[in-house]
């Protein structure tokens, strides 16, 4: 399933692909293929039995030409230096394609959080926040939730930073709980942008998303919210999966009921009369819309040859390898790239940061209206680039838009001798 692909090399290849359609000065593109700095640190924290454990953690800052670095923190055993470098780069281009004034950042700790108690996770999170303290800040680097982290961890990081700095700075982090300065609509934002991007794609292709069959790989926050909102648009969700496997029912099912079932049992499997299905089988179902919402490298070139979906909307970061993109272009499969499709999270994080700085908070209705405007305008800009530059796919077009904006900002700032 492509788990051997190096995500950082995939990012660099995507930038090179876009560079062929851009007129950039020598050396500029190379600068845009690498992070500016990477923190690699060993965190030692106390377990509940009094013993100590040391784990590896990272924070990558990728291009600050357009504003402070921005990106999530994930807790996952697969976290590596190259992974966070790639994810921070995707964040930089994601922010640029939706025209949010941030650079890219990403962090992670190489653990399985299921192996630790809540008190152990709090001690570990605060240890990481202490290491991050010199790097982060409202105008420097603003972390957010990612895989296996959420409001709880963001609240701990905020409290640690504010305590050590002896200040109040809610904008130092986003994805917080509402009472800690979070924004309405933030939890649903990533899944909402995936649904909006899918709707816009079907409209652009002169197809109706109502009645479209949908498969969702990965049923965490982004996948489950996207499934529910696509269902609200009239889509017919026929398959979903999580890390333990999936379910399929050609007659469709209620995605919100599946989410409730998973909350109760810990997995989507066993829901109603749906048949069991593997993650790989789900990815190759004959559906109108496929939403990969798990981790990177879910679909490589070999698996892409068996993909039968007409449209793919990437809810995860980097779920397709460059080899998969090449195969899907040949098959006339339209892929809405991650840097646009899942940009709702960082967009509403930006709204949260703005509200924190102003100390004035928006209604959920306003958040959702502003998010819809940002995503639809970004989609139009991507399609314009796709048609005007004759790029091979929508991903390359999105990178063209994003790189153009970053290069403009870099040029306008000038270069120090």
Protein backbone atom coordinates (compact mmCIF):
# COMPACT_ATOMS: atom_id res chain seq x y z
CA UNK A 1 0.00 0.00 0.00
CA UNK A 2 2.87 2.35 -0.69
CA UNK A 3 4.19 2.52 2.85
CA UNK A 4 7.74 2.53 1.50
CA UNK A 5 7.38 5.90 -0.21
CA UNK A 6 9.30 8.70 1.50
CA UNK A 7 6.80 11.53 2.07
CA UNK A 8 9.48 14.23 1.93
CA UNK A 9 10.67 12.99 -1.45
CA UNK A 10 7.04 12.96 -2.60
CA UNK A 11 6.68 16.61 -1.57
CA UNK A 12 9.84 17.60 -3.42
CA UNK A 13 8.66 15.78 -6.54
CA UNK A 14 5.33 17.63 -6.38
CA UNK A 15 7.16 20.97 -6.16
CA UNK A 16 9.36 20.01 -9.12
CA UNK A 17 6.27 19.05 -11.13
CA UNK A 18 4.77 22.49 -10.54
CA UNK A 19 8.10 24.19 -11.24
CA UNK A 20 7.91 23.04 -14.85
CA UNK A 21 4.94 25.40 -15.28
CA UNK A 22 6.55 28.36 -13.51
CA UNK A 23 9.21 30.88 -14.45
CA UNK A 24 11.24 31.14 -11.25
CA UNK A 25 14.77 32.48 -10.78
CA UNK A 26 17.57 29.91 -10.40
CA UNK A 27 17.76 28.52 -6.87
CA UNK A 28 14.32 29.74 -5.80
CA UNK A 29 12.65 26.39 -6.39
CA UNK A 30 15.36 24.56 -4.42
CA UNK A 31 14.70 26.92 -1.52
CA UNK A 32 11.03 25.97 -1.65
CA UNK A 33 11.76 22.25 -1.39
CA UNK A 34 13.32 22.28 2.08
CA UNK A 35 12.35 23.45 5.57
CA UNK A 36 14.13 26.39 7.12
CA UNK A 37 14.82 24.52 10.37
CA UNK A 38 13.91 21.32 12.16
CA UNK A 39 13.92 20.74 15.92
CA UNK A 40 14.72 17.16 16.89
CA UNK A 41 14.57 16.51 20.60
CA UNK A 42 14.47 13.68 23.12
CA UNK A 43 11.73 14.06 25.72
CA UNK A 44 12.16 12.35 29.08
CA UNK A 45 9.02 12.15 31.21
CA UNK A 46 7.80 10.28 34.28
CA UNK A 47 5.41 7.36 33.98
CA UNK A 48 2.75 6.67 36.56
CA UNK A 49 4.88 3.98 38.21
CA UNK A 50 7.67 6.50 38.82
CA UNK A 51 9.98 5.23 36.09
CA UNK A 52 11.29 7.44 33.29
CA UNK A 53 10.84 7.05 29.56
CA UNK A 54 12.54 8.90 26.70
CA UNK A 55 10.89 9.40 23.29
CA UNK A 56 11.79 11.28 20.12
CA UNK A 57 9.92 14.44 19.05
CA UNK A 58 10.18 16.91 16.17
CA UNK A 59 9.04 20.33 14.95
CA UNK A 60 9.68 21.45 11.37
CA UNK A 61 9.33 25.06 10.18
CA UNK A 62 8.91 25.30 6.42
CA UNK A 63 9.03 28.73 4.77
CA UNK A 64 7.93 31.82 6.68
CA UNK A 65 7.77 34.20 3.69
CA UNK A 66 4.00 34.75 4.06
CA UNK A 67 3.69 34.76 7.85
CA UNK A 68 4.17 32.72 11.03
CA UNK A 69 4.68 28.97 10.69
CA UNK A 70 1.46 27.02 11.15
CA UNK A 71 0.71 23.35 11.53
CA UNK A 72 -0.35 20.50 13.72
CA UNK A 73 1.26 18.18 16.24
CA UNK A 74 0.63 14.46 15.91
CA UNK A 75 1.21 11.55 18.28
CA UNK A 76 1.86 8.41 16.25
CA UNK A 77 4.47 5.63 16.30
CA UNK A 78 5.22 6.31 12.62
CA UNK A 79 6.37 9.90 13.19
CA UNK A 80 9.80 10.52 11.62
CA UNK A 81 11.97 13.49 10.74
CA UNK A 82 11.17 13.16 7.03
CA UNK A 83 7.45 12.86 7.73
CA UNK A 84 7.25 16.12 9.69
CA UNK A 85 9.42 17.87 7.07
CA UNK A 86 6.99 16.77 4.36
CA UNK A 87 3.92 17.68 6.39
CA UNK A 88 5.33 21.14 7.17
CA UNK A 89 5.91 21.70 3.45
CA UNK A 90 2.39 20.62 2.58
CA UNK A 91 1.19 23.09 5.22
CA UNK A 92 3.13 25.96 3.63
CA UNK A 93 1.56 25.29 0.24
CA UNK A 94 -1.84 24.61 1.77
CA UNK A 95 -1.86 28.02 3.44
CA UNK A 96 -0.74 29.69 0.22
CA UNK A 97 -3.31 28.02 -2.03
CA UNK A 98 -6.19 29.21 0.19
CA UNK A 99 -4.41 32.56 0.70
CA UNK A 100 -4.08 32.33 4.48
CA UNK A 101 -1.06 34.42 5.62
CA UNK A 102 0.98 31.66 7.22
CA UNK A 103 4.02 29.55 6.50
CA UNK A 104 4.18 25.82 7.15
CA UNK A 105 4.90 23.93 10.35
CA UNK A 106 4.40 20.44 11.68
CA UNK A 107 5.43 18.52 14.76
CA UNK A 108 5.09 15.11 16.23
CA UNK A 109 6.06 12.64 18.91
CA UNK A 110 6.86 9.05 17.96
CA UNK A 111 4.51 7.25 20.35
CA UNK A 112 1.23 5.36 20.36
CA UNK A 113 -0.89 7.43 22.77
CA UNK A 114 -3.01 4.38 23.53
CA UNK A 115 -0.03 3.02 25.50
CA UNK A 116 -0.15 5.86 28.05
CA UNK A 117 -2.52 7.18 30.69
CA UNK A 118 -3.97 10.68 30.56
CA UNK A 119 -1.59 11.88 33.28
CA UNK A 120 1.39 10.44 31.41
CA UNK A 121 0.27 12.14 28.20
CA UNK A 122 -0.09 15.43 30.04
CA UNK A 123 3.45 15.21 31.41
CA UNK A 124 4.77 14.33 27.96
CA UNK A 125 2.83 17.13 26.28
CA UNK A 126 4.07 19.69 28.78
CA UNK A 127 7.64 18.46 28.30
CA UNK A 128 7.26 18.98 24.55
CA UNK A 129 5.71 22.42 25.07
CA UNK A 130 8.71 23.39 27.19
CA UNK A 131 11.08 22.37 24.37
CA UNK A 132 8.94 24.24 21.83
CA UNK A 133 8.76 27.40 23.95
CA UNK A 134 11.69 29.23 22.23
CA UNK A 135 10.24 28.49 18.78
CA UNK A 136 6.52 29.10 19.12
CA UNK A 137 4.51 32.27 19.72
CA UNK A 138 1.54 34.17 18.32
CA UNK A 139 3.74 35.81 15.68
CA UNK A 140 6.32 33.01 15.24
CA UNK A 141 4.89 29.49 15.10
CA UNK A 142 1.35 28.43 15.97
CA UNK A 143 0.79 24.68 16.52
CA UNK A 144 -2.57 22.92 16.24
CA UNK A 145 -4.09 19.43 16.62
CA UNK A 146 -3.31 16.61 14.21
CA UNK A 147 -3.44 12.81 14.30
CA UNK A 148 -4.23 11.56 17.85
CA UNK A 149 -4.23 15.04 19.39
CA UNK A 150 -7.08 17.44 20.05
CA UNK A 151 -8.40 20.18 22.29
CA UNK A 152 -7.03 18.56 25.44
CA UNK A 153 -3.42 18.56 24.26
CA UNK A 154 -3.72 22.07 22.82
CA UNK A 155 -5.03 23.36 26.14
CA UNK A 156 -2.03 21.79 27.92
CA UNK A 157 0.42 23.41 25.49
CA UNK A 158 -1.27 26.80 25.83
CA UNK A 159 -1.20 26.61 29.63
CA UNK A 160 2.45 25.52 29.70
CA UNK A 161 3.52 28.33 27.38
CA UNK A 162 1.52 31.00 29.20
CA UNK A 163 2.80 29.84 32.60
CA UNK A 164 6.46 29.82 31.54
CA UNK A 165 6.14 33.15 29.74
CA UNK A 166 4.02 34.68 32.52
CA UNK A 167 1.56 36.02 29.98
CA UNK A 168 -1.83 35.46 28.38
CA UNK A 169 -1.45 34.41 24.75
CA UNK A 170 -4.40 32.35 23.50
CA UNK A 171 -3.19 32.80 19.91
CA UNK A 172 -0.06 30.74 20.58
CA UNK A 173 -2.01 27.64 19.57
CA UNK A 174 -5.25 26.81 17.77
CA UNK A 175 -7.73 23.97 18.01
CA UNK A 176 -8.41 24.80 21.66
CA UNK A 177 -11.62 24.18 23.54
CA UNK A 178 -14.14 27.02 23.30
CA UNK A 179 -13.73 28.10 26.92
CA UNK A 180 -9.95 28.31 26.37
CA UNK A 181 -10.24 30.60 23.36
CA UNK A 182 -11.17 28.13 20.64
CA UNK A 183 -13.37 28.88 17.65
CA UNK A 184 -16.83 27.70 16.77
CA UNK A 185 -16.70 25.36 13.79
CA UNK A 186 -13.06 24.32 14.25
CA UNK A 187 -13.69 20.64 15.03
CA UNK A 188 -15.73 20.16 11.85
CA UNK A 189 -13.62 22.41 9.63
CA UNK A 190 -11.39 19.86 7.89
CA UNK A 191 -14.27 17.55 7.02
CA UNK A 192 -16.37 20.53 5.95
CA UNK A 193 -13.74 21.71 3.45
CA UNK A 194 -13.52 18.19 2.00
CA UNK A 195 -17.29 18.19 1.45
CA UNK A 196 -17.16 21.68 -0.08
CA UNK A 197 -14.29 20.72 -2.37
CA UNK A 198 -16.16 17.59 -3.48
CA UNK A 199 -19.29 19.63 -4.18
CA UNK A 200 -17.35 22.17 -6.23
CA UNK A 201 -15.63 19.41 -8.21
CA UNK A 202 -18.89 17.73 -9.14
CA UNK A 203 -20.36 21.11 -10.15
CA UNK A 204 -17.28 21.83 -12.30
CA UNK A 205 -17.66 18.44 -14.00
CA UNK A 206 -21.38 19.15 -14.58
CA UNK A 207 -22.32 16.27 -12.33
CA UNK A 208 -24.71 16.18 -9.38
CA UNK A 209 -23.22 15.09 -6.08
CA UNK A 210 -26.73 14.13 -4.96
CA UNK A 211 -26.95 10.39 -5.49
CA UNK A 212 -23.18 9.97 -5.93
CA UNK A 213 -21.78 6.86 -4.25
CA UNK A 214 -19.06 7.59 -1.69
CA UNK A 215 -16.37 5.56 0.09
CA UNK A 216 -14.37 7.02 3.02
CA UNK A 217 -11.09 5.45 4.14
CA UNK A 218 -10.31 6.59 7.68
CA UNK A 219 -13.17 7.39 10.05
CA UNK A 220 -11.63 9.78 12.51
CA UNK A 221 -12.69 13.40 12.81
CA UNK A 222 -12.05 14.47 9.20
CA UNK A 223 -13.44 11.36 7.56
CA UNK A 224 -16.57 11.09 9.68
CA UNK A 225 -17.43 14.80 9.36
CA UNK A 226 -16.83 14.72 5.59
CA UNK A 227 -19.06 11.65 5.27
CA UNK A 228 -21.87 13.28 7.24
CA UNK A 229 -21.73 16.56 5.31
CA UNK A 230 -21.52 14.80 1.92
CA UNK A 231 -24.56 12.78 3.02
CA UNK A 232 -26.30 16.10 3.75
CA UNK A 233 -25.54 17.14 0.15
CA UNK A 234 -27.32 14.02 -1.08
CA UNK A 235 -24.31 11.77 -1.49
CA UNK A 236 -24.77 8.07 -0.76
CA UNK A 237 -22.09 6.79 1.65
CA UNK A 238 -21.69 3.07 0.89
CA UNK A 239 -18.38 2.23 2.59
CA UNK A 240 -16.22 3.50 5.44
CA UNK A 241 -13.20 2.11 7.27
CA UNK A 242 -10.85 2.70 10.18
CA UNK A 243 -7.55 1.14 11.20
CA UNK A 244 -9.26 -2.13 12.15
CA UNK A 245 -11.10 -2.62 8.86
CA UNK A 246 -14.20 -1.40 7.11
CA UNK A 247 -17.85 -1.91 6.23
CA UNK A 248 -19.68 -1.85 2.91
CA UNK A 249 -23.37 -1.71 2.04
CA UNK A 250 -24.33 -0.99 -1.57
CA UNK A 251 -27.64 0.43 -0.33
CA UNK A 252 -25.77 3.00 1.77
CA UNK A 253 -26.02 3.83 5.46
CA UNK A 254 -26.27 6.76 7.84
CA UNK A 255 -22.70 8.02 8.43
CA UNK A 256 -23.66 9.66 11.72
CA UNK A 257 -25.07 6.39 13.02
CA UNK A 258 -21.81 4.68 12.06
CA UNK A 259 -19.88 7.33 13.97
CA UNK A 260 -22.06 6.71 17.05
CA UNK A 261 -21.45 2.97 16.67
CA UNK A 262 -17.69 3.54 16.54
CA UNK A 263 -17.84 5.80 19.61
CA UNK A 264 -19.62 3.02 21.48
CA UNK A 265 -17.59 0.02 20.27
CA UNK A 266 -14.25 1.51 19.21
CA UNK A 267 -14.54 0.47 15.54
CA UNK A 268 -16.83 0.83 12.52
CA UNK A 269 -16.89 -2.95 12.08
CA UNK A 270 -20.03 -4.77 13.17
CA UNK A 271 -22.37 -1.93 12.21
CA UNK A 272 -25.84 -3.18 11.26
CA UNK A 273 -26.00 -5.61 8.35
CA UNK A 274 -23.04 -4.10 6.50
CA UNK A 275 -20.45 -6.57 5.18
CA UNK A 276 -16.84 -6.44 6.32
CA UNK A 277 -14.27 -5.05 3.91
CA UNK A 278 -10.53 -4.40 4.04
CA UNK A 279 -9.04 -0.93 3.68
CA UNK A 280 -7.44 -1.90 0.37
CA UNK A 281 -10.71 -3.27 -1.00
CA UNK A 282 -12.47 -0.06 0.00
CA UNK A 283 -9.96 2.02 -1.95
CA UNK A 284 -10.74 0.07 -5.13
CA UNK A 285 -14.56 0.08 -4.90
CA UNK A 286 -16.50 1.25 -7.95
CA UNK A 287 -17.77 4.53 -6.49
CA UNK A 288 -18.23 8.07 -7.75
CA UNK A 289 -16.24 9.68 -4.94
CA UNK A 290 -13.39 8.30 -2.84
CA UNK A 291 -12.23 10.14 0.30
CA UNK A 292 -8.88 8.90 1.68
CA UNK A 293 -8.86 10.30 5.21
CA UNK A 294 -6.23 8.23 7.04
CA UNK A 295 -2.45 8.64 6.75
CA UNK A 296 -0.04 9.39 3.91
CA UNK A 297 0.85 6.84 1.18
CA UNK A 298 -2.50 5.02 1.26
CA UNK A 299 -2.50 4.68 -2.53
CA UNK A 300 0.65 3.95 -4.54
CA UNK A 301 1.06 3.40 -8.27
CA UNK A 302 0.19 -0.30 -8.13
CA UNK A 303 -2.99 0.22 -6.14
CA UNK A 304 -3.96 3.25 -8.22
CA UNK A 305 -4.25 0.96 -11.25
CA UNK A 306 -7.18 -0.72 -9.47
CA UNK A 307 -8.87 2.46 -8.24
CA UNK A 308 -12.28 2.86 -9.88
CA UNK A 309 -13.52 6.10 -8.32
CA UNK A 310 -14.20 9.00 -10.70
CA UNK A 311 -13.22 11.69 -8.17
CA UNK A 312 -10.85 11.55 -5.19
CA UNK A 313 -10.96 14.23 -2.49
CA UNK A 314 -7.93 13.99 -0.21
CA UNK A 315 -8.93 14.47 3.42
CA UNK A 316 -5.58 13.11 4.66
CA UNK A 317 -2.21 14.70 3.96
CA UNK A 318 -0.29 12.95 1.18
CA UNK A 319 -2.54 9.88 0.76
CA UNK A 320 -1.42 9.46 -2.86
CA UNK A 321 2.17 8.92 -3.97
CA UNK A 322 3.49 10.71 -7.09
CA UNK A 323 3.39 7.36 -8.92
CA UNK A 324 -0.30 7.09 -8.09
CA UNK A 325 -0.91 10.58 -9.49
CA UNK A 326 0.64 9.57 -12.81
CA UNK A 327 -1.55 6.48 -13.05
CA UNK A 328 -4.71 8.40 -12.18
CA UNK A 329 -4.00 11.09 -14.78
CA UNK A 330 -3.92 8.35 -17.42
CA UNK A 331 -7.26 7.04 -16.10
CA UNK A 332 -8.89 10.51 -16.19
CA UNK A 333 -9.53 10.35 -12.45
CA UNK A 334 -9.84 13.81 -10.92
CA UNK A 335 -7.95 14.25 -7.65
CA UNK A 336 -8.75 17.24 -5.47
CA UNK A 337 -5.39 17.66 -3.69
CA UNK A 338 -4.95 17.67 0.05
CA UNK A 339 -3.53 21.19 0.07
CA UNK A 340 -6.98 22.43 -0.94
CA UNK A 341 -9.46 19.72 0.05
CA UNK A 342 -8.44 19.49 3.71
CA UNK A 343 -7.45 23.15 4.12
CA UNK A 344 -10.55 23.85 6.22
CA UNK A 345 -8.64 23.00 9.38
CA UNK A 346 -5.91 25.58 8.90
CA UNK A 347 -8.40 28.12 7.54
CA UNK A 348 -10.55 27.99 10.66
CA UNK A 349 -7.38 27.86 12.76
CA UNK A 350 -6.53 31.18 11.12
CA UNK A 351 -10.00 32.45 12.03
CA UNK A 352 -9.40 31.28 15.62
CA UNK A 353 -6.05 33.09 15.71
CA UNK A 354 -7.66 36.28 14.40
CA UNK A 355 -10.37 36.05 17.04
CA UNK A 356 -7.75 35.45 19.75
CA UNK A 357 -5.77 38.51 18.68
CA UNK A 358 -8.88 40.71 18.55
CA UNK A 359 -10.48 39.19 21.66
CA UNK A 360 -13.69 39.15 19.64
CA UNK A 361 -15.36 35.85 18.79
CA UNK A 362 -17.51 34.86 15.82
CA UNK A 363 -20.68 32.80 15.57
CA UNK A 364 -20.51 29.34 14.01
CA UNK A 365 -22.61 30.64 11.13
CA UNK A 366 -20.04 33.31 10.33
CA UNK A 367 -17.16 30.83 10.60
CA UNK A 368 -18.84 28.43 8.17
CA UNK A 369 -19.76 31.19 5.74
CA UNK A 370 -16.20 32.52 5.68
CA UNK A 371 -14.82 29.01 5.28
CA UNK A 372 -17.11 28.32 2.32
CA UNK A 373 -15.99 31.56 0.67
CA UNK A 374 -12.30 30.71 1.12
CA UNK A 375 -12.61 27.16 -0.20
CA UNK A 376 -14.78 28.03 -3.20
CA UNK A 377 -12.50 30.92 -4.20
CA UNK A 378 -9.44 28.70 -3.83
CA UNK A 379 -11.08 26.01 -5.94
CA UNK A 380 -11.82 28.54 -8.68
CA UNK A 381 -8.20 29.74 -8.60
CA UNK A 382 -6.93 26.16 -8.88
CA UNK A 383 -9.21 25.39 -11.84
CA UNK A 384 -8.20 28.63 -13.55
CA UNK A 385 -4.53 27.62 -13.25
CA UNK A 386 -5.33 24.08 -14.44
CA UNK A 387 -7.01 25.40 -17.59
CA UNK A 388 -4.70 28.37 -18.28
CA UNK A 389 -1.39 26.56 -17.64
CA UNK A 390 -2.56 23.22 -19.08
CA UNK A 391 -1.22 21.32 -16.07
CA UNK A 392 -1.63 17.53 -16.04
CA UNK A 393 -3.81 17.49 -12.93
CA UNK A 394 -5.40 19.64 -10.27
CA UNK A 395 -2.58 18.97 -7.80
CA UNK A 396 0.03 20.57 -10.03
CA UNK A 397 -2.30 23.50 -10.63
CA UNK A 398 -2.75 24.01 -6.89
CA UNK A 399 1.02 24.00 -6.38
CA UNK A 400 1.43 26.51 -9.20
CA UNK A 401 -0.96 28.89 -7.42
CA UNK A 402 0.71 28.33 -4.04
CA UNK A 403 4.31 28.65 -5.24
CA UNK A 404 3.48 31.79 -7.21
CA UNK A 405 2.21 33.43 -4.02
CA UNK A 406 5.19 32.37 -1.92
CA UNK A 407 7.67 33.48 -4.61
CA UNK A 408 5.93 36.86 -4.85
CA UNK A 409 6.18 37.36 -1.09
CA UNK A 410 9.86 36.34 -1.10
CA UNK A 411 10.64 38.71 -3.95
CA UNK A 412 8.78 41.62 -2.38
CA UNK A 413 10.71 41.19 0.88
CA UNK A 414 14.08 41.25 -0.88
CA UNK A 415 17.09 39.13 -0.03
CA UNK A 416 19.63 39.90 2.68
CA UNK A 417 23.28 39.83 1.54
